[in-house]
Amino acid sequence: MAHQATPVRRARLGRALGPEPTAVSGVALLLPGGDEESGRRPSPMLATASVRALGRRLARAGREQGLAAHVVHYRYRGWNGSEAHLAQDASWAADEVVRRYGDVPVCLVGLDMGGRAALRAGGHEAVNSVVAIAPWLPEDDMAASPEPVKQLVGRRVLIVHGTNDDVCDPELSFRLAARAKKANRDVCRFEVHSDGHGLHQYRAEVQALAEDFVLGALFGGVVSRPVQDALAAPPPLGLRMPLAVGFGKSLHR
């Protein structure tokens, strides 16, 4: 009796979130969190729940400018060491955007381990910007190469992290941002004071910040003054920019 071949796992894009634009001129790819090591499939709804709300907000805000937002569904739940499966899938998704929509700019928007994937895959030629929210990053290890940053040159990069995050150390994202800033002026990092890993306390402000940054990066618009200041400020000021309470309530685009 012949053995059935094991089906090849493939990453995929979820259907466009929110109202679809009549013509797509920019794409936000939402990258959910994951595990450090796991060969299991992600649970579709559970894994993507944390990024879907942000994706819908981006889609609404950018519809008139032609923004499409898609969640990336990974092949595996884990990053899995040198395989870097989640980053591979993020790069595949950027390829898929080019296949579907042509030569449009892409912003990778990742949360937790998805933040690491966004940063790692940021060198894809279609990507012009990266947002990493509470990114999971490896501890500094003298025996291992540091997390790369050269791929971020030429991209606009935003990192957002809660100062009370006890899951993903905010100091690790600060150190990565500091290294990235040396090679690329267009890097900024905001700190959400007293908030934890899920950024539940200031969710509205974090989403407003992401919206402001993504639309500005993808469509060349003027970003808010706090983002301008963070990008222009020398380290460490622009990498420890406090996210103001109520951010987004009076933005003028």
C-alpha atoms as a PDB file:
ATOM      1  CA  MET A   1       0.000   0.000   0.000  1.00  0.00           C
ATOM      2  CA  ALA A   2       1.500   3.330  -1.060  1.00  0.00           C
ATOM      3  CA  HIS A   3       2.235   5.882   1.622  1.00  0.00           C
ATOM      4  CA  GLN A   4       0.664   9.268   1.181  1.00  0.00           C
ATOM      5  CA  ALA A   5       3.165  12.089   0.928  1.00  0.00           C
ATOM      6  CA  THR A   6       3.125  14.540   3.794  1.00  0.00           C
ATOM      7  CA  PRO A   7       1.516  17.747   2.511  1.00  0.00           C
ATOM      8  CA  VAL A   8       3.892  20.683   2.214  1.00  0.00           C
ATOM      9  CA  ARG A   9       2.986  23.471   4.593  1.00  0.00           C
ATOM     10  CA  ARG A  10       2.568  26.858   3.011  1.00  0.00           C
ATOM     11  CA  ALA A  11       2.220  30.314   4.454  1.00  0.00           C
ATOM     12  CA  ARG A  12      -0.753  32.314   3.243  1.00  0.00           C
ATOM     13  CA  LEU A  13      -2.286  35.754   3.327  1.00  0.00           C
ATOM     14  CA  GLY A  14      -5.607  36.210   5.022  1.00  0.00           C
ATOM     15  CA  ARG A  15      -8.307  38.040   3.099  1.00  0.00           C
ATOM     16  CA  ALA A  16      -8.022  41.819   3.109  1.00  0.00           C
ATOM     17  CA  LEU A  17      -9.167  43.344   6.393  1.00  0.00           C
ATOM     18  CA  GLY A  18     -11.810  46.035   6.457  1.00  0.00           C
ATOM     19  CA  PRO A  19     -13.112  47.847   3.391  1.00  0.00           C
ATOM     20  CA  GLU A  20     -11.066  47.090   0.301  1.00  0.00           C
ATOM     21  CA  PRO A  21      -9.772  50.050  -1.701  1.00  0.00           C
ATOM     22  CA  THR A  22     -10.750  50.260  -5.347  1.00  0.00           C
ATOM     23  CA  ALA A  23      -7.071  50.345  -6.326  1.00  0.00           C
ATOM     24  CA  VAL A  24      -4.273  49.164  -4.008  1.00  0.00           C
ATOM     25  CA  SER A  25      -1.280  51.511  -3.746  1.00  0.00           C
ATOM     26  CA  GLY A  26       0.245  50.268  -0.470  1.00  0.00           C
ATOM     27  CA  VAL A  27       0.014  47.200   1.760  1.00  0.00           C
ATOM     28  CA  ALA A  28       0.369  46.605   5.505  1.00  0.00           C
ATOM     29  CA  LEU A  29       1.265  43.018   6.400  1.00  0.00           C
ATOM     30  CA  LEU A  30       0.273  42.099   9.953  1.00  0.00           C
ATOM     31  CA  LEU A  31       2.616  39.575  11.598  1.00  0.00           C
ATOM     32  CA  PRO A  32       1.225  37.871  14.737  1.00  0.00           C
ATOM     33  CA  GLY A  33       3.285  36.573  17.641  1.00  0.00           C
ATOM     34  CA  GLY A  34       4.646  33.057  17.913  1.00  0.00           C
ATOM     35  CA  ASP A  35       6.855  30.777  19.969  1.00  0.00           C
ATOM     36  CA  GLU A  36      10.607  30.511  20.175  1.00  0.00           C
ATOM     37  CA  GLU A  37      10.521  26.821  19.213  1.00  0.00           C
ATOM     38  CA  SER A  38       7.539  24.928  17.812  1.00  0.00           C
ATOM     39  CA  GLY A  39       6.849  22.766  14.791  1.00  0.00           C
ATOM     40  CA  ARG A  40       3.094  22.924  15.311  1.00  0.00           C
ATOM     41  CA  ARG A  41       0.701  24.856  13.129  1.00  0.00           C
ATOM     42  CA  PRO A  42      -0.563  28.138  14.572  1.00  0.00           C
ATOM     43  CA  SER A  43      -4.197  28.251  15.669  1.00  0.00           C
ATOM     44  CA  PRO A  44      -5.580  30.622  12.989  1.00  0.00           C
ATOM     45  CA  MET A  45      -7.979  32.762  15.017  1.00  0.00           C
ATOM     46  CA  LEU A  46      -6.104  32.662  18.332  1.00  0.00           C
ATOM     47  CA  ALA A  47      -2.766  33.543  16.752  1.00  0.00           C
ATOM     48  CA  THR A  48      -4.098  36.459  14.724  1.00  0.00           C
ATOM     49  CA  ALA A  49      -6.556  37.996  17.188  1.00  0.00           C
ATOM     50  CA  SER A  50      -3.988  40.437  18.588  1.00  0.00           C
ATOM     51  CA  VAL A  51      -3.184  41.990  15.198  1.00  0.00           C
ATOM     52  CA  ARG A  52      -6.566  41.890  13.473  1.00  0.00           C
ATOM     53  CA  ALA A  53      -7.963  44.920  15.301  1.00  0.00           C
ATOM     54  CA  LEU A  54      -4.924  46.982  14.361  1.00  0.00           C
ATOM     55  CA  GLY A  55      -5.151  45.754  10.776  1.00  0.00           C
ATOM     56  CA  ARG A  56      -8.807  46.763  10.529  1.00  0.00           C
ATOM     57  CA  ARG A  57      -7.980  50.210  11.883  1.00  0.00           C
ATOM     58  CA  LEU A  58      -5.183  50.671   9.357  1.00  0.00           C
ATOM     59  CA  ALA A  59      -7.460  49.516   6.528  1.00  0.00           C
ATOM     60  CA  ARG A  60     -10.180  52.010   7.503  1.00  0.00           C
ATOM     61  CA  ALA A  61      -7.764  54.891   7.913  1.00  0.00           C
ATOM     62  CA  GLY A  62      -5.899  54.235   4.680  1.00  0.00           C
ATOM     63  CA  ARG A  63      -8.696  53.143   2.376  1.00  0.00           C
ATOM     64  CA  GLU A  64      -8.882  56.438   0.476  1.00  0.00           C
ATOM     65  CA  GLN A  65      -5.133  56.302  -0.140  1.00  0.00           C
ATOM     66  CA  GLY A  66      -5.338  52.729  -1.403  1.00  0.00           C
ATOM     67  CA  LEU A  67      -4.153  50.779   1.643  1.00  0.00           C
ATOM     68  CA  ALA A  68      -4.819  47.041   1.850  1.00  0.00           C
ATOM     69  CA  ALA A  69      -4.090  45.194   5.109  1.00  0.00           C
ATOM     70  CA  HIS A  70      -3.554  41.444   5.353  1.00  0.00           C
ATOM     71  CA  VAL A  71      -2.668  39.117   8.222  1.00  0.00           C
ATOM     72  CA  VAL A  72       0.149  36.682   7.455  1.00  0.00           C
ATOM     73  CA  HIS A  73      -0.660  33.090   8.430  1.00  0.00           C
ATOM     74  CA  TYR A  74       2.570  31.257   9.255  1.00  0.00           C
ATOM     75  CA  ARG A  75       3.482  27.674   8.421  1.00  0.00           C
ATOM     76  CA  TYR A  76       4.767  27.025  11.942  1.00  0.00           C
ATOM     77  CA  ARG A  77       4.105  28.462  15.359  1.00  0.00           C
ATOM     78  CA  GLY A  78       7.825  28.742  16.162  1.00  0.00           C
ATOM     79  CA  TRP A  79      10.753  30.860  15.025  1.00  0.00           C
ATOM     80  CA  ASN A  80      12.884  27.709  15.257  1.00  0.00           C
ATOM     81  CA  GLY A  81      16.450  28.921  15.546  1.00  0.00           C
ATOM     82  CA  SER A  82      18.433  29.412  12.356  1.00  0.00           C
ATOM     83  CA  GLU A  83      15.378  28.378  10.298  1.00  0.00           C
ATOM     84  CA  ALA A  84      13.745  31.715  11.234  1.00  0.00           C
ATOM     85  CA  HIS A  85      10.464  30.381   9.864  1.00  0.00           C
ATOM     86  CA  LEU A  86       8.403  33.440  10.767  1.00  0.00           C
ATOM     87  CA  ALA A  87      10.815  35.786   8.990  1.00  0.00           C
ATOM     88  CA  GLN A  88      10.822  33.481   5.964  1.00  0.00           C
ATOM     89  CA  ASP A  89       7.039  33.639   5.891  1.00  0.00           C
ATOM     90  CA  ALA A  90       7.096  37.440   6.176  1.00  0.00           C
ATOM     91  CA  SER A  91       9.413  37.598   3.159  1.00  0.00           C
ATOM     92  CA  TRP A  92       7.155  35.198   1.265  1.00  0.00           C
ATOM     93  CA  ALA A  93       4.190  37.452   2.065  1.00  0.00           C
ATOM     94  CA  ALA A  94       6.004  40.477   0.640  1.00  0.00           C
ATOM     95  CA  ASP A  95       6.653  38.452  -2.525  1.00  0.00           C
ATOM     96  CA  GLU A  96       2.960  37.593  -2.646  1.00  0.00           C
ATOM     97  CA  VAL A  97       2.028  41.272  -2.369  1.00  0.00           C
ATOM     98  CA  VAL A  98       4.186  42.024  -5.404  1.00  0.00           C
ATOM     99  CA  ARG A  99       2.562  39.150  -7.308  1.00  0.00           C
ATOM    100  CA  ARG A 100      -0.955  40.329  -6.470  1.00  0.00           C
ATOM    101  CA  TYR A 101      -0.651  44.098  -6.515  1.00  0.00           C
ATOM    102  CA  GLY A 102       2.498  44.928  -8.428  1.00  0.00           C
ATOM    103  CA  ASP A 103       5.157  47.426  -7.395  1.00  0.00           C
ATOM    104  CA  VAL A 104       3.555  48.926  -4.282  1.00  0.00           C
ATOM    105  CA  PRO A 105       5.286  49.782  -0.979  1.00  0.00           C
ATOM    106  CA  VAL A 106       4.890  47.353   1.919  1.00  0.00           C
ATOM    107  CA  CYS A 107       4.978  47.975   5.670  1.00  0.00           C
ATOM    108  CA  LEU A 108       5.631  44.980   7.926  1.00  0.00           C
ATOM    109  CA  VAL A 109       3.751  45.382  11.219  1.00  0.00           C
ATOM    110  CA  GLY A 110       4.676  42.747  13.802  1.00  0.00           C
ATOM    111  CA  LEU A 111       3.788  42.000  17.402  1.00  0.00           C
ATOM    112  CA  ASP A 112       5.914  39.953  19.833  1.00  0.00           C
ATOM    113  CA  MET A 113       7.761  37.306  17.791  1.00  0.00           C
ATOM    114  CA  GLY A 114       6.106  38.853  14.742  1.00  0.00           C
ATOM    115  CA  GLY A 115       8.001  42.037  15.611  1.00  0.00           C
ATOM    116  CA  ARG A 116      11.266  40.126  15.278  1.00  0.00           C
ATOM    117  CA  ALA A 117      10.042  38.705  11.961  1.00  0.00           C
ATOM    118  CA  ALA A 118       9.187  42.208  10.714  1.00  0.00           C
ATOM    119  CA  LEU A 119      12.627  43.521  11.618  1.00  0.00           C
ATOM    120  CA  ARG A 120      14.453  40.524  10.133  1.00  0.00           C
ATOM    121  CA  ALA A 121      12.459  40.558   6.873  1.00  0.00           C
ATOM    122  CA  GLY A 122      12.664  44.330   6.539  1.00  0.00           C
ATOM    123  CA  GLY A 123      15.340  44.053   3.871  1.00  0.00           C
ATOM    124  CA  HIS A 124      12.880  42.735   1.275  1.00  0.00           C
ATOM    125  CA  GLU A 125      12.991  45.046  -1.739  1.00  0.00           C
ATOM    126  CA  ALA A 126       9.249  45.770  -1.573  1.00  0.00           C
ATOM    127  CA  VAL A 127       9.391  46.821   2.099  1.00  0.00           C
ATOM    128  CA  ASN A 128       9.828  50.511   2.826  1.00  0.00           C
ATOM    129  CA  SER A 129       8.893  50.513   6.517  1.00  0.00           C
ATOM    130  CA  VAL A 130       8.703  48.330   9.623  1.00  0.00           C
ATOM    131  CA  VAL A 131       6.683  48.544  12.831  1.00  0.00           C
ATOM    132  CA  ALA A 132       7.722  46.246  15.698  1.00  0.00           C
ATOM    133  CA  ILE A 133       5.394  46.298  18.713  1.00  0.00           C
ATOM    134  CA  ALA A 134       6.730  44.702  21.910  1.00  0.00           C
ATOM    135  CA  PRO A 135       9.148  42.635  19.808  1.00  0.00           C
ATOM    136  CA  TRP A 136      10.593  39.388  21.131  1.00  0.00           C
ATOM    137  CA  LEU A 137      14.358  39.513  20.689  1.00  0.00           C
ATOM    138  CA  PRO A 138      17.036  37.041  21.774  1.00  0.00           C
ATOM    139  CA  GLU A 139      19.173  37.723  24.821  1.00  0.00           C
ATOM    140  CA  ASP A 140      22.661  39.007  24.068  1.00  0.00           C
ATOM    141  CA  ASP A 141      24.915  35.986  23.625  1.00  0.00           C
ATOM    142  CA  MET A 142      28.655  36.375  23.165  1.00  0.00           C
ATOM    143  CA  ALA A 143      28.754  33.056  21.316  1.00  0.00           C
ATOM    144  CA  ALA A 144      26.082  33.985  18.792  1.00  0.00           C
ATOM    145  CA  SER A 145      25.908  36.729  16.204  1.00  0.00           C
ATOM    146  CA  PRO A 146      23.775  39.698  17.290  1.00  0.00           C
ATOM    147  CA  GLU A 147      20.387  40.213  15.679  1.00  0.00           C
ATOM    148  CA  PRO A 148      21.095  41.842  12.285  1.00  0.00           C
ATOM    149  CA  VAL A 149      20.186  45.466  11.544  1.00  0.00           C
ATOM    150  CA  LYS A 150      21.874  46.226   8.184  1.00  0.00           C
ATOM    151  CA  GLN A 151      18.782  45.046   6.307  1.00  0.00           C
ATOM    152  CA  LEU A 152      16.911  48.021   7.775  1.00  0.00           C
ATOM    153  CA  VAL A 153      19.008  50.622   5.975  1.00  0.00           C
ATOM    154  CA  GLY A 154      16.746  52.673   3.716  1.00  0.00           C
ATOM    155  CA  ARG A 155      13.609  51.688   5.647  1.00  0.00           C
ATOM    156  CA  ARG A 156      11.639  53.788   8.104  1.00  0.00           C
ATOM    157  CA  VAL A 157      11.468  51.893  11.404  1.00  0.00           C
ATOM    158  CA  LEU A 158       9.225  52.274  14.463  1.00  0.00           C
ATOM    159  CA  ILE A 159       9.607  50.193  17.618  1.00  0.00           C
ATOM    160  CA  VAL A 160       7.063  50.471  20.443  1.00  0.00           C
ATOM    161  CA  HIS A 161       7.581  48.821  23.831  1.00  0.00           C
ATOM    162  CA  GLY A 162       5.949  48.923  27.263  1.00  0.00           C
ATOM    163  CA  THR A 163       8.387  49.674  30.065  1.00  0.00           C
ATOM    164  CA  ASN A 164       6.774  47.022  32.311  1.00  0.00           C
ATOM    165  CA  ASP A 165       6.910  44.238  29.714  1.00  0.00           C
ATOM    166  CA  ASP A 166       7.897  41.092  31.624  1.00  0.00           C
ATOM    167  CA  VAL A 167       7.626  38.808  28.571  1.00  0.00           C
ATOM    168  CA  CYS A 168       9.863  40.597  26.052  1.00  0.00           C
ATOM    169  CA  ASP A 169      12.615  42.666  27.675  1.00  0.00           C
ATOM    170  CA  PRO A 170      12.263  46.294  26.522  1.00  0.00           C
ATOM    171  CA  GLU A 171      15.992  46.869  26.995  1.00  0.00           C
ATOM    172  CA  LEU A 172      16.704  44.398  24.208  1.00  0.00           C
ATOM    173  CA  SER A 173      14.619  46.402  21.743  1.00  0.00           C
ATOM    174  CA  PHE A 174      16.376  49.583  22.884  1.00  0.00           C
ATOM    175  CA  ARG A 175      19.783  48.035  22.219  1.00  0.00           C
ATOM    176  CA  LEU A 176      18.721  46.831  18.787  1.00  0.00           C
ATOM    177  CA  ALA A 177      17.284  50.258  17.980  1.00  0.00           C
ATOM    178  CA  ALA A 178      20.546  51.896  19.054  1.00  0.00           C
ATOM    179  CA  ARG A 179      22.541  49.665  16.713  1.00  0.00           C
ATOM    180  CA  ALA A 180      20.081  50.215  13.874  1.00  0.00           C
ATOM    181  CA  LYS A 181      20.158  53.997  14.362  1.00  0.00           C
ATOM    182  CA  LYS A 182      23.908  54.051  13.721  1.00  0.00           C
ATOM    183  CA  ALA A 183      23.293  52.729  10.203  1.00  0.00           C
ATOM    184  CA  ASN A 184      19.934  54.351   9.530  1.00  0.00           C
ATOM    185  CA  ARG A 185      18.681  57.743  10.702  1.00  0.00           C
ATOM    186  CA  ASP A 186      15.054  56.766  10.074  1.00  0.00           C
ATOM    187  CA  VAL A 187      14.708  54.689  13.247  1.00  0.00           C
ATOM    188  CA  CYS A 188      12.648  55.702  16.264  1.00  0.00           C
ATOM    189  CA  ARG A 189      11.402  53.934  19.359  1.00  0.00           C
ATOM    190  CA  PHE A 190       8.564  54.888  21.713  1.00  0.00           C
ATOM    191  CA  GLU A 191       8.225  53.739  25.315  1.00  0.00           C
ATOM    192  CA  VAL A 192       4.798  53.181  26.823  1.00  0.00           C
ATOM    193  CA  HIS A 193       5.371  53.895  30.468  1.00  0.00           C
ATOM    194  CA  SER A 194       3.967  51.465  33.041  1.00  0.00           C
ATOM    195  CA  ASP A 195       2.325  49.286  30.389  1.00  0.00           C
ATOM    196  CA  GLY A 196       2.975  45.564  29.989  1.00  0.00           C
ATOM    197  CA  HIS A 197       3.503  43.186  27.104  1.00  0.00           C
ATOM    198  CA  GLY A 198      -0.020  43.361  25.688  1.00  0.00           C
ATOM    199  CA  LEU A 199      -0.065  47.179  25.862  1.00  0.00           C
ATOM    200  CA  HIS A 200      -3.672  46.976  27.006  1.00  0.00           C
ATOM    201  CA  GLN A 201      -3.614  50.134  29.112  1.00  0.00           C
ATOM    202  CA  TYR A 202      -2.701  52.408  26.207  1.00  0.00           C
ATOM    203  CA  ARG A 203      -3.963  50.352  23.292  1.00  0.00           C
ATOM    204  CA  ALA A 204      -5.721  53.311  21.652  1.00  0.00           C
ATOM    205  CA  GLU A 205      -2.545  55.409  21.762  1.00  0.00           C
ATOM    206  CA  VAL A 206      -0.382  52.585  20.392  1.00  0.00           C
ATOM    207  CA  GLN A 207      -2.789  51.967  17.527  1.00  0.00           C
ATOM    208  CA  ALA A 208      -2.967  55.691  16.749  1.00  0.00           C
ATOM    209  CA  LEU A 209       0.829  55.864  16.692  1.00  0.00           C
ATOM    210  CA  ALA A 210       1.047  52.865  14.365  1.00  0.00           C
ATOM    211  CA  GLU A 211      -1.604  54.353  12.070  1.00  0.00           C
ATOM    212  CA  ASP A 212       0.171  57.702  11.882  1.00  0.00           C
ATOM    213  CA  PHE A 213       3.522  56.054  11.141  1.00  0.00           C
ATOM    214  CA  VAL A 214       2.281  53.475   8.613  1.00  0.00           C
ATOM    215  CA  LEU A 215       0.255  55.933   6.514  1.00  0.00           C
ATOM    216  CA  GLY A 216       3.087  58.435   6.534  1.00  0.00           C
ATOM    217  CA  ALA A 217       5.676  55.832   5.562  1.00  0.00           C
ATOM    218  CA  LEU A 218       3.648  54.147   2.828  1.00  0.00           C
ATOM    219  CA  PHE A 219       2.171  57.226   1.179  1.00  0.00           C
ATOM    220  CA  GLY A 220       4.745  59.936   1.869  1.00  0.00           C
ATOM    221  CA  GLY A 221       2.477  61.972   4.101  1.00  0.00           C
ATOM    222  CA  VAL A 222       3.565  64.176   6.995  1.00  0.00           C
ATOM    223  CA  VAL A 223       3.742  62.215  10.232  1.00  0.00           C
ATOM    224  CA  SER A 224       2.796  63.697  13.591  1.00  0.00           C
ATOM    225  CA  ARG A 225       5.193  66.016  15.416  1.00  0.00           C
ATOM    226  CA  PRO A 226       6.118  63.410  18.070  1.00  0.00           C
ATOM    227  CA  VAL A 227       7.199  60.950  15.352  1.00  0.00           C
ATOM    228  CA  GLN A 228       9.113  63.688  13.518  1.00  0.00           C
ATOM    229  CA  ASP A 229      10.872  64.599  16.764  1.00  0.00           C
ATOM    230  CA  ALA A 230      11.688  60.967  17.572  1.00  0.00           C
ATOM    231  CA  LEU A 231      13.179  60.374  14.117  1.00  0.00           C
ATOM    232  CA  ALA A 232      15.238  63.574  14.285  1.00  0.00           C
ATOM    233  CA  ALA A 233      16.482  63.273  17.867  1.00  0.00           C
ATOM    234  CA  PRO A 234      19.919  61.773  18.512  1.00  0.00           C
ATOM    235  CA  PRO A 235      20.177  58.617  20.621  1.00  0.00           C
ATOM    236  CA  PRO A 236      19.065  57.917  23.215  1.00  0.00           C
ATOM    237  CA  LEU A 237      16.347  60.602  23.102  1.00  0.00           C
ATOM    238  CA  GLY A 238      14.670  59.409  19.905  1.00  0.00           C
ATOM    239  CA  LEU A 239      14.834  55.816  21.095  1.00  0.00           C
ATOM    240  CA  ARG A 240      13.231  56.424  24.500  1.00  0.00           C
ATOM    241  CA  MET A 241      10.477  58.757  23.361  1.00  0.00           C
ATOM    242  CA  PRO A 242       7.536  58.581  25.786  1.00  0.00           C
ATOM    243  CA  LEU A 243       4.175  57.883  24.171  1.00  0.00           C
ATOM    244  CA  ALA A 244       1.894  60.612  25.446  1.00  0.00           C
ATOM    245  CA  VAL A 245      -1.416  59.771  27.082  1.00  0.00           C
ATOM    246  CA  GLY A 246      -4.180  60.594  24.602  1.00  0.00           C
ATOM    247  CA  PHE A 247      -1.889  60.414  21.574  1.00  0.00           C
ATOM    248  CA  GLY A 248      -3.962  60.443  18.411  1.00  0.00           C
ATOM    249  CA  LYS A 249      -6.912  62.472  19.681  1.00  0.00           C
ATOM    250  CA  SER A 250      -5.782  65.669  17.996  1.00  0.00           C
ATOM    251  CA  LEU A 251      -3.573  64.534  15.133  1.00  0.00           C
ATOM    252  CA  HIS A 252      -3.511  66.781  12.099  1.00  0.00           C
ATOM    253  CA  ARG A 253      -2.463  64.921   8.996  1.00  0.00           C
END
